Amino acid sequence: WYTPLLPSWNPLSQRFQFNPVGGVLTNAAIWTMETIGLAPMGTVKTQKILQSGGFALRDAGDEGVFTAIYLMVGRKPLQTASPQQ
């Protein structure tokens, strides 16, 4: 489940941002977009917080101390107008 959070050296992969070079390039690109007004203020801070959380999840998954939760949502059956006999 944590494979998407592992680093990749393929620059066309979303996982490229998790290797050291990709992280620097991603931060620089977001900072540039924020500076020239293409991204709203606070985007760099948000990206760093999310990336830090991703690193923590990856490390926890790698060590086996955390697994993704399985969520099951149930729904109560609708009441019928007349009971069947």
C-alpha atoms as a PDB file:
ATOM      1  CA  TRP A   1       0.000   0.000   0.000  1.00  0.00           C
ATOM      2  CA  TYR A   2       2.896   2.367   0.547  1.00  0.00           C
ATOM      3  CA  THR A   3       4.531   1.760  -2.850  1.00  0.00           C
ATOM      4  CA  PRO A   4       3.259   5.109  -4.234  1.00  0.00           C
ATOM      5  CA  LEU A   5       5.222   6.814  -1.443  1.00  0.00           C
ATOM      6  CA  LEU A   6       8.539   5.150  -2.329  1.00  0.00           C
ATOM      7  CA  PRO A   7      11.076   7.228  -4.295  1.00  0.00           C
ATOM      8  CA  SER A   8      11.590   6.752  -8.009  1.00  0.00           C
ATOM      9  CA  TRP A   9      14.239   8.180 -10.324  1.00  0.00           C
ATOM     10  CA  ASN A  10      11.838   8.313 -13.278  1.00  0.00           C
ATOM     11  CA  PRO A  11      11.151  12.055 -13.787  1.00  0.00           C
ATOM     12  CA  LEU A  12       7.775  11.264 -15.385  1.00  0.00           C
ATOM     13  CA  SER A  13       6.590   9.437 -12.261  1.00  0.00           C
ATOM     14  CA  GLN A  14       4.628  11.054  -9.420  1.00  0.00           C
ATOM     15  CA  ARG A  15       7.077   9.242  -7.118  1.00  0.00           C
ATOM     16  CA  PHE A  16       9.993  11.345  -8.441  1.00  0.00           C
ATOM     17  CA  GLN A  17       9.289  13.996  -5.776  1.00  0.00           C
ATOM     18  CA  PHE A  18      10.236  11.512  -3.044  1.00  0.00           C
ATOM     19  CA  ASN A  19      13.906  11.175  -4.018  1.00  0.00           C
ATOM     20  CA  PRO A  20      16.364  13.900  -2.901  1.00  0.00           C
ATOM     21  CA  VAL A  21      16.722  15.585  -6.313  1.00  0.00           C
ATOM     22  CA  GLY A  22      12.997  15.427  -7.026  1.00  0.00           C
ATOM     23  CA  GLY A  23      12.187  16.926  -3.639  1.00  0.00           C
ATOM     24  CA  VAL A  24      14.436  19.915  -4.270  1.00  0.00           C
ATOM     25  CA  LEU A  25      13.038  20.415  -7.792  1.00  0.00           C
ATOM     26  CA  THR A  26       9.441  20.114  -6.581  1.00  0.00           C
ATOM     27  CA  ASN A  27      10.006  22.635  -3.784  1.00  0.00           C
ATOM     28  CA  ALA A  28      11.756  25.039  -6.181  1.00  0.00           C
ATOM     29  CA  ALA A  29       8.970  24.770  -8.772  1.00  0.00           C
ATOM     30  CA  ILE A  30       6.247  25.377  -6.190  1.00  0.00           C
ATOM     31  CA  TRP A  31       8.173  28.284  -4.655  1.00  0.00           C
ATOM     32  CA  THR A  32       8.567  29.838  -8.124  1.00  0.00           C
ATOM     33  CA  MET A  33       4.864  29.454  -8.895  1.00  0.00           C
ATOM     34  CA  GLU A  34       3.954  30.981  -5.531  1.00  0.00           C
ATOM     35  CA  THR A  35       6.406  33.857  -6.010  1.00  0.00           C
ATOM     36  CA  ILE A  36       5.085  34.853  -9.450  1.00  0.00           C
ATOM     37  CA  GLY A  37       1.464  34.437  -8.370  1.00  0.00           C
ATOM     38  CA  LEU A  38       0.494  31.224 -10.180  1.00  0.00           C
ATOM     39  CA  ALA A  39      -0.068  29.463  -6.853  1.00  0.00           C
ATOM     40  CA  PRO A  40      -1.666  31.016  -3.765  1.00  0.00           C
ATOM     41  CA  MET A  41       0.434  32.046  -0.793  1.00  0.00           C
ATOM     42  CA  GLY A  42       0.994  29.160   1.613  1.00  0.00           C
ATOM     43  CA  THR A  43       1.315  26.519  -1.113  1.00  0.00           C
ATOM     44  CA  VAL A  44       4.979  25.858  -0.272  1.00  0.00           C
ATOM     45  CA  LYS A  45       4.183  25.420   3.409  1.00  0.00           C
ATOM     46  CA  THR A  46       1.280  23.098   2.621  1.00  0.00           C
ATOM     47  CA  GLN A  47       3.427  21.028   0.246  1.00  0.00           C
ATOM     48  CA  LYS A  48       6.156  20.623   2.869  1.00  0.00           C
ATOM     49  CA  ILE A  49       3.628  19.506   5.511  1.00  0.00           C
ATOM     50  CA  LEU A  50       2.027  16.981   3.141  1.00  0.00           C
ATOM     51  CA  GLN A  51       5.419  15.690   1.993  1.00  0.00           C
ATOM     52  CA  SER A  52       6.541  15.262   5.606  1.00  0.00           C
ATOM     53  CA  GLY A  53       3.386  13.272   6.332  1.00  0.00           C
ATOM     54  CA  GLY A  54       4.029  11.132   3.256  1.00  0.00           C
ATOM     55  CA  PHE A  55       7.564  10.387   4.417  1.00  0.00           C
ATOM     56  CA  ALA A  56       6.276   9.402   7.867  1.00  0.00           C
ATOM     57  CA  LEU A  57       3.627   7.087   6.383  1.00  0.00           C
ATOM     58  CA  ARG A  58       6.207   5.515   4.067  1.00  0.00           C
ATOM     59  CA  ASP A  59       8.641   4.888   6.915  1.00  0.00           C
ATOM     60  CA  ALA A  60       5.914   3.485   9.168  1.00  0.00           C
ATOM     61  CA  GLY A  61       4.727   1.162   6.400  1.00  0.00           C
ATOM     62  CA  ASP A  62       8.284   0.060   5.676  1.00  0.00           C
ATOM     63  CA  GLU A  63       8.849  -0.786   9.348  1.00  0.00           C
ATOM     64  CA  GLY A  64       5.490  -2.530   9.602  1.00  0.00           C
ATOM     65  CA  VAL A  65       4.196  -0.391  12.465  1.00  0.00           C
ATOM     66  CA  PHE A  66       1.327   1.083  10.469  1.00  0.00           C
ATOM     67  CA  THR A  67      -1.077  -0.260   7.884  1.00  0.00           C
ATOM     68  CA  ALA A  68      -3.743   1.536   5.938  1.00  0.00           C
ATOM     69  CA  ILE A  69      -7.199   1.188   7.432  1.00  0.00           C
ATOM     70  CA  TYR A  70      -9.953  -0.717   5.730  1.00  0.00           C
ATOM     71  CA  LEU A  71     -13.163   1.267   5.968  1.00  0.00           C
ATOM     72  CA  MET A  72     -16.471  -0.456   5.498  1.00  0.00           C
ATOM     73  CA  VAL A  73     -19.617   1.635   5.415  1.00  0.00           C
ATOM     74  CA  GLY A  74     -22.933  -0.070   6.098  1.00  0.00           C
ATOM     75  CA  ARG A  75     -26.425   1.217   5.513  1.00  0.00           C
ATOM     76  CA  LYS A  76     -29.519   0.353   7.488  1.00  0.00           C
ATOM     77  CA  PRO A  77     -32.288  -1.069   5.279  1.00  0.00           C
ATOM     78  CA  LEU A  78     -35.193   1.256   4.560  1.00  0.00           C
ATOM     79  CA  GLN A  79     -38.436   0.682   6.486  1.00  0.00           C
ATOM     80  CA  THR A  80     -41.309  -0.664   4.399  1.00  0.00           C
ATOM     81  CA  ALA A  81     -44.795   0.886   4.682  1.00  0.00           C
ATOM     82  CA  SER A  82     -46.560  -2.429   5.330  1.00  0.00           C
ATOM     83  CA  PRO A  83     -44.928  -5.459   6.929  1.00  0.00           C
ATOM     84  CA  GLN A  84     -44.960  -8.575   4.787  1.00  0.00           C
ATOM     85  CA  GLN A  85     -46.389 -11.743   6.324  1.00  0.00           C
END
